[in-house]
Amino acid sequence: MKFCPKCGGVLMPTKKDGKTILKCRKCGYEEEMDNKAKKEYQIKESTKNEKVLTTSIVSEKEGRKRDEEEWEQEREEYYKEIGLELLRDEFEGNEENDED
């Protein structure tokens, strides 16, 4: 692969007047394509008949269902955290008022 000496862009093979030249898409610089460049820009395709492994669905779309006991426990923990935070805020507020 060759790069443009002016701007550093990649020189791409292009047909012009029945000849293949290397042309920069950024600045338009053109250069004749020599034998070495022809080998470098030769298109090679290889197709392999490779198999793709797939997996089946492992779990349902909804995910794991929680039972009522788990939900109740989570609610209790949440309310406990909120209650402690409210008590902490109230206690800190009373200390500030006592200092005045």
C-alpha atoms as a PDB file:
ATOM      1  CA  MET A   1       0.000   0.000   0.000  1.00  0.00           C
ATOM      2  CA  LYS A   2       1.313   3.417  -0.896  1.00  0.00           C
ATOM      3  CA  PHE A   3       0.645   6.781   0.671  1.00  0.00           C
ATOM      4  CA  CYS A   4       0.454  10.242  -0.877  1.00  0.00           C
ATOM      5  CA  PRO A   5       3.742  12.172  -0.598  1.00  0.00           C
ATOM      6  CA  LYS A   6       1.809  15.472  -0.352  1.00  0.00           C
ATOM      7  CA  CYS A   7      -0.878  14.823   2.276  1.00  0.00           C
ATOM      8  CA  GLY A   8      -0.290  11.295   3.557  1.00  0.00           C
ATOM      9  CA  GLY A   9      -3.593   9.900   2.280  1.00  0.00           C
ATOM     10  CA  VAL A  10      -3.881   6.367   0.891  1.00  0.00           C
ATOM     11  CA  LEU A  11      -3.282   6.099  -2.846  1.00  0.00           C
ATOM     12  CA  MET A  12      -6.095   4.116  -4.449  1.00  0.00           C
ATOM     13  CA  PRO A  13      -5.996   2.422  -7.882  1.00  0.00           C
ATOM     14  CA  THR A  14      -8.108   4.259 -10.460  1.00  0.00           C
ATOM     15  CA  LYS A  15      -8.629   3.833 -14.214  1.00  0.00           C
ATOM     16  CA  LYS A  16      -7.648   6.847 -16.354  1.00  0.00           C
ATOM     17  CA  ASP A  17      -7.284   6.833 -20.142  1.00  0.00           C
ATOM     18  CA  GLY A  18      -7.227   3.019 -20.174  1.00  0.00           C
ATOM     19  CA  LYS A  19      -4.372   2.880 -17.647  1.00  0.00           C
ATOM     20  CA  THR A  20      -4.455   2.085 -13.972  1.00  0.00           C
ATOM     21  CA  ILE A  21      -2.985   4.852 -11.852  1.00  0.00           C
ATOM     22  CA  LEU A  22      -2.721   5.513  -8.136  1.00  0.00           C
ATOM     23  CA  LYS A  23      -4.722   8.538  -7.027  1.00  0.00           C
ATOM     24  CA  CYS A  24      -5.068  10.249  -3.670  1.00  0.00           C
ATOM     25  CA  ARG A  25      -8.709  10.855  -2.777  1.00  0.00           C
ATOM     26  CA  LYS A  26      -7.827  13.744  -0.460  1.00  0.00           C
ATOM     27  CA  CYS A  27      -5.658  16.024  -2.590  1.00  0.00           C
ATOM     28  CA  GLY A  28      -5.888  14.455  -6.077  1.00  0.00           C
ATOM     29  CA  TYR A  29      -2.193  13.543  -6.423  1.00  0.00           C
ATOM     30  CA  GLU A  30      -1.660  10.987  -9.209  1.00  0.00           C
ATOM     31  CA  GLU A  31       1.152   8.537  -9.837  1.00  0.00           C
ATOM     32  CA  GLU A  32       1.666   5.791 -12.398  1.00  0.00           C
ATOM     33  CA  MET A  33       1.245   2.296 -11.081  1.00  0.00           C
ATOM     34  CA  ASP A  34       4.472   0.275 -11.373  1.00  0.00           C
ATOM     35  CA  ASN A  35       4.760  -3.537 -11.245  1.00  0.00           C
ATOM     36  CA  LYS A  36       5.522  -3.544  -7.525  1.00  0.00           C
ATOM     37  CA  ALA A  37       2.387  -1.508  -6.801  1.00  0.00           C
ATOM     38  CA  LYS A  38       0.307  -3.819  -9.001  1.00  0.00           C
ATOM     39  CA  LYS A  39       1.325  -6.771  -6.816  1.00  0.00           C
ATOM     40  CA  GLU A  40       0.579  -4.827  -3.633  1.00  0.00           C
ATOM     41  CA  TYR A  41      -2.864  -3.777  -4.820  1.00  0.00           C
ATOM     42  CA  GLN A  42      -3.850  -7.136  -6.306  1.00  0.00           C
ATOM     43  CA  ILE A  43      -7.225  -8.236  -5.008  1.00  0.00           C
ATOM     44  CA  LYS A  44      -7.193 -11.663  -3.487  1.00  0.00           C
ATOM     45  CA  GLU A  45     -10.323 -13.335  -2.323  1.00  0.00           C
ATOM     46  CA  SER A  46     -10.471 -16.421  -0.233  1.00  0.00           C
ATOM     47  CA  THR A  47     -13.760 -17.964   0.626  1.00  0.00           C
ATOM     48  CA  LYS A  48     -13.910 -20.642   3.211  1.00  0.00           C
ATOM     49  CA  ASN A  49     -16.989 -22.577   3.975  1.00  0.00           C
ATOM     50  CA  GLU A  50     -16.749 -21.988   7.690  1.00  0.00           C
ATOM     51  CA  LYS A  51     -19.536 -23.029   9.977  1.00  0.00           C
ATOM     52  CA  VAL A  52     -20.897 -20.541  12.477  1.00  0.00           C
ATOM     53  CA  LEU A  53     -21.741 -21.860  15.901  1.00  0.00           C
ATOM     54  CA  THR A  54     -24.932 -20.567  17.436  1.00  0.00           C
ATOM     55  CA  THR A  55     -26.504 -21.022  20.837  1.00  0.00           C
ATOM     56  CA  SER A  56     -30.070 -21.510  21.856  1.00  0.00           C
ATOM     57  CA  ILE A  57     -31.927 -19.259  24.270  1.00  0.00           C
ATOM     58  CA  VAL A  58     -30.665 -19.958  27.746  1.00  0.00           C
ATOM     59  CA  SER A  59     -33.157 -17.966  29.784  1.00  0.00           C
ATOM     60  CA  GLU A  60     -36.513 -16.349  29.277  1.00  0.00           C
ATOM     61  CA  LYS A  61     -36.783 -12.742  28.201  1.00  0.00           C
ATOM     62  CA  GLU A  62     -38.275 -11.667  31.529  1.00  0.00           C
ATOM     63  CA  GLY A  63     -35.370 -13.029  33.509  1.00  0.00           C
ATOM     64  CA  ARG A  64     -35.573 -14.589  36.938  1.00  0.00           C
ATOM     65  CA  LYS A  65     -38.921 -14.110  38.624  1.00  0.00           C
ATOM     66  CA  ARG A  66     -38.864 -13.089  42.270  1.00  0.00           C
ATOM     67  CA  ASP A  67     -41.253 -14.552  44.733  1.00  0.00           C
ATOM     68  CA  GLU A  68     -43.356 -12.381  47.054  1.00  0.00           C
ATOM     69  CA  GLU A  69     -41.078 -12.975  50.057  1.00  0.00           C
ATOM     70  CA  GLU A  70     -38.061 -11.496  48.220  1.00  0.00           C
ATOM     71  CA  TRP A  71     -40.057  -8.417  47.210  1.00  0.00           C
ATOM     72  CA  GLU A  72     -41.269  -7.913  50.792  1.00  0.00           C
ATOM     73  CA  GLN A  73     -37.714  -8.190  52.139  1.00  0.00           C
ATOM     74  CA  GLU A  74     -36.448  -5.658  49.596  1.00  0.00           C
ATOM     75  CA  ARG A  75     -39.260  -3.221  50.506  1.00  0.00           C
ATOM     76  CA  GLU A  76     -38.451  -3.536  54.213  1.00  0.00           C
ATOM     77  CA  GLU A  77     -34.760  -2.807  53.614  1.00  0.00           C
ATOM     78  CA  TYR A  78     -35.654   0.216  51.487  1.00  0.00           C
ATOM     79  CA  TYR A  79     -38.039   1.680  54.085  1.00  0.00           C
ATOM     80  CA  LYS A  80     -35.496   1.017  56.831  1.00  0.00           C
ATOM     81  CA  GLU A  81     -32.835   2.962  54.933  1.00  0.00           C
ATOM     82  CA  ILE A  82     -35.198   5.888  54.335  1.00  0.00           C
ATOM     83  CA  GLY A  83     -36.289   5.906  57.999  1.00  0.00           C
ATOM     84  CA  LEU A  84     -32.696   5.928  59.236  1.00  0.00           C
ATOM     85  CA  GLU A  85     -31.843   8.749  56.843  1.00  0.00           C
ATOM     86  CA  LEU A  86     -34.807  10.813  58.043  1.00  0.00           C
ATOM     87  CA  LEU A  87     -33.861  10.235  61.704  1.00  0.00           C
ATOM     88  CA  ARG A  88     -30.253  11.189  60.979  1.00  0.00           C
ATOM     89  CA  ASP A  89     -31.357  14.409  59.238  1.00  0.00           C
ATOM     90  CA  GLU A  90     -33.725  15.267  62.112  1.00  0.00           C
ATOM     91  CA  PHE A  91     -31.071  14.537  64.734  1.00  0.00           C
ATOM     92  CA  GLU A  92     -28.487  16.689  62.937  1.00  0.00           C
ATOM     93  CA  GLY A  93     -31.072  19.479  62.592  1.00  0.00           C
ATOM     94  CA  ASN A  94     -31.794  19.406  66.364  1.00  0.00           C
ATOM     95  CA  GLU A  95     -28.082  19.661  67.204  1.00  0.00           C
ATOM     96  CA  GLU A  96     -27.757  22.792  65.066  1.00  0.00           C
ATOM     97  CA  ASN A  97     -30.792  24.378  66.814  1.00  0.00           C
ATOM     98  CA  ASP A  98     -29.416  23.526  70.295  1.00  0.00           C
ATOM     99  CA  GLU A  99     -26.157  25.368  69.530  1.00  0.00           C
ATOM    100  CA  ASP A 100     -28.026  28.622  68.749  1.00  0.00           C
END
